[in-house]
Each structure stands twice: as C-alpha cells, then as structure tokens.
Amino acid sequence: MSAPAQPHIPVLLRPLLDAVAPVSGLWLDGTFGAGGYARGLLEAGADQVIGVDRDPLAFEMASGWVGEYGDRLKLVEGTFSRLDSYSDVPLDGVVLDLGVSSMQLDRADRGFSFMKDGPLDMRMSQSGPSAADIVNESSEAELADIIFQYGEERASRRIAKAIVAARAKSPFETTLQLAAVIESVLPRGKPGQSHPATRTFQAIRIAVNDEFGELLAGLQAAERALKPGGKLAVVTFHSLEDRVVKRYLAARSGGAGRANRYAPAVDEEKPQFQLLGRRAIGPDDDELAVNPRSRSAKLRVAQRTDAPSGDMPRTGLGMPKISLGGQD
C-alpha cells in the first residue's frame, strides 16, 4: 500500500505547534485519527509520539506511512482516558482533538453521518451498545434528556416523541431513517443553517461513546502523566466540550476563585497547570478558507507545574447531567 500523496492536515495544527513550541521529547496524541497531529509533532522536533485511538480503522489507514518514522511513532489501541498508562516515563506533551473525525464521517458504514445512508452505529471503538440500541431501547424521557443535554436541541421532546412513535412501527436501523424522522418534526432550515438532524446526531454520538466521561478522565490522566513543564493542548469543536476544558484548566490553574466571597479564606493548593494564553485560539481566515470545518474549533493550551496531581469533581465543570446505563 502506498502512502497518500497529501497527508491529512488537522484543524489548528499550525497554531497548536506555535503555542507548544519548542517541541521535543516524548509526546502523546490521544486522538490519533488520520495521524495529522502526530506527524506534525514529529516533524516539529518530538523525539517520539505515542498515537492513541480507540478506533481500529485509524491504524489500518495509517499502515501505509507509519513506517516512515520507525520507532519514533508508537501506536496504541485504547482510550485517551487511560493515557497515563501508555508510557513508563512522564510525558513532555499531550494533544487531544475532540469529536468525530472526518474519516469516520466520510464512511457511511460507521453510521456517524445523516448525509449518507448506513447502519445506525456511531461507535468509535466498534464495540459496545450502538446508536441503534440507544434510539430503540431508551425511554422517551431518556431520549429527550440525551438530545437536550448533549445536543442543546430545544425541540428535544418533540423529536423524542416522534422517534418513539416511529420505532413502534419499525425499529431504527439506518442513519437516513432517523434523519427523516427528525426532519419531519422540525422546520426546514434556511440557506446556510445546519441540517435539522445535526444536534440530535451529535447528542446520540456523545451518549454512545460517553464522550464527556472520557473527556474528564482524559484531562485528569494528562495531569498525572505530564512532567513539570509538560504541555497540554486540547482542540474542541462545540461549546459543551470547550466549557468543560476551559473550566477544568481554570480550576487547576488557580483561576476558579471562591464560590462565596463571604466564606472564610482557606489555604489553596498549588495549581497543577499554568494557562498559556487567557483566551482560546481559533482559526484564522486562511484556515477557514481551506477548511470550513475549523470554524467552530477552539484550542486551549496549559503547562504542567510541579504540584501533585489530584482528582477533579464533575461539579462546576458545566458537564451535562444525564444518566444512561450507569454513565453520569
């Protein structure tokens, strides 16, 4: 198999490399995908990159070019929530690119896209309960909760009611089957607006893959794995993810403040991170012109201090509160 002529260029790669420069030592790319960040880090000066992905397809697609880097690139099938278990030595940097990858959206058989007909799947790891299981087995109230909390869809109850009515006649099996039901109860979008099914598909994908549970666990694992001075870079694609990352880093960098200004002062622990920039970094006009998908992307970067790592509760992070099969 020959390597592709043009390697995949991930969103915000150049700003990310600029923000974490100089790049050296051992880095971990927790969302390997098509390998764009890993290649960028290696070419920017990383001695070695550990590429982690829960999707076996990612490594199949990379088989044509990974040999170029020899031992400098190590691939691990797993989740970034366990990234602190993939290296015996502390890391110089961690990169996380959240959300679904273009290679997953482009394959109809993965069931992520409402634009292509395929099995209603959406499992990044290709194991465990699928989107069809959630859509066909969850109660109307659970579906409405998922769609509202994870998709910020105002019409969540209307959509959930339509799904339950439709599945009583025939269970959902394909993506276009679900998209058609959603479209039937929502007004047609105006030119330039997103597809009516966008928020619902996002919500179901998040539920299938427990993406918020993974995110919090991944941030905590990065805190444990990074050496003092190590850098954490996180790219998000929607407001819910960015809110969690922003609040986590604020809390761990000593910027959360006291909830009650009248409460007695207490000794605060030394912060685990130092923010590198107070604001998120977004795409510039050049990147938007080449890659419209980057329009909602935000990059946040922080540097690990020498303070001991610790646990971070979900409260105060803005994480959606939902119960689904034991998830929280």
Foldseek 3Di string as FASTA:
>chain_A
DAADPDQDADFCLVVVPVLLPPQEEEEEEQDCALNNNVVSSVVSYYQAYEYEFLAPVNVVNCVNPPVVNPRRYHYDNDGLLQVLPPDPAFGQEYEYEDDDDPVLQVDQQCQLDLVHKYWQALERNSDDDGLLCCLLPPALVQQLLLLCLQLVDPCSSVLSVLSNVVVVVPRDTISPVSLVSQPVRDDADDPPDDRSCVSSSRSSSCVNHVRVVSLQSSVLSNLQRHDAFHKYKYKDQDDQSVLLVLQVQCVLCVNPDDPDPPDDDDDDFHHQKAWSDPAWDADDPVCCVVPVSRHRMTMTMIGTHNGHGDHDDPPPSNRGDHDDPRRD
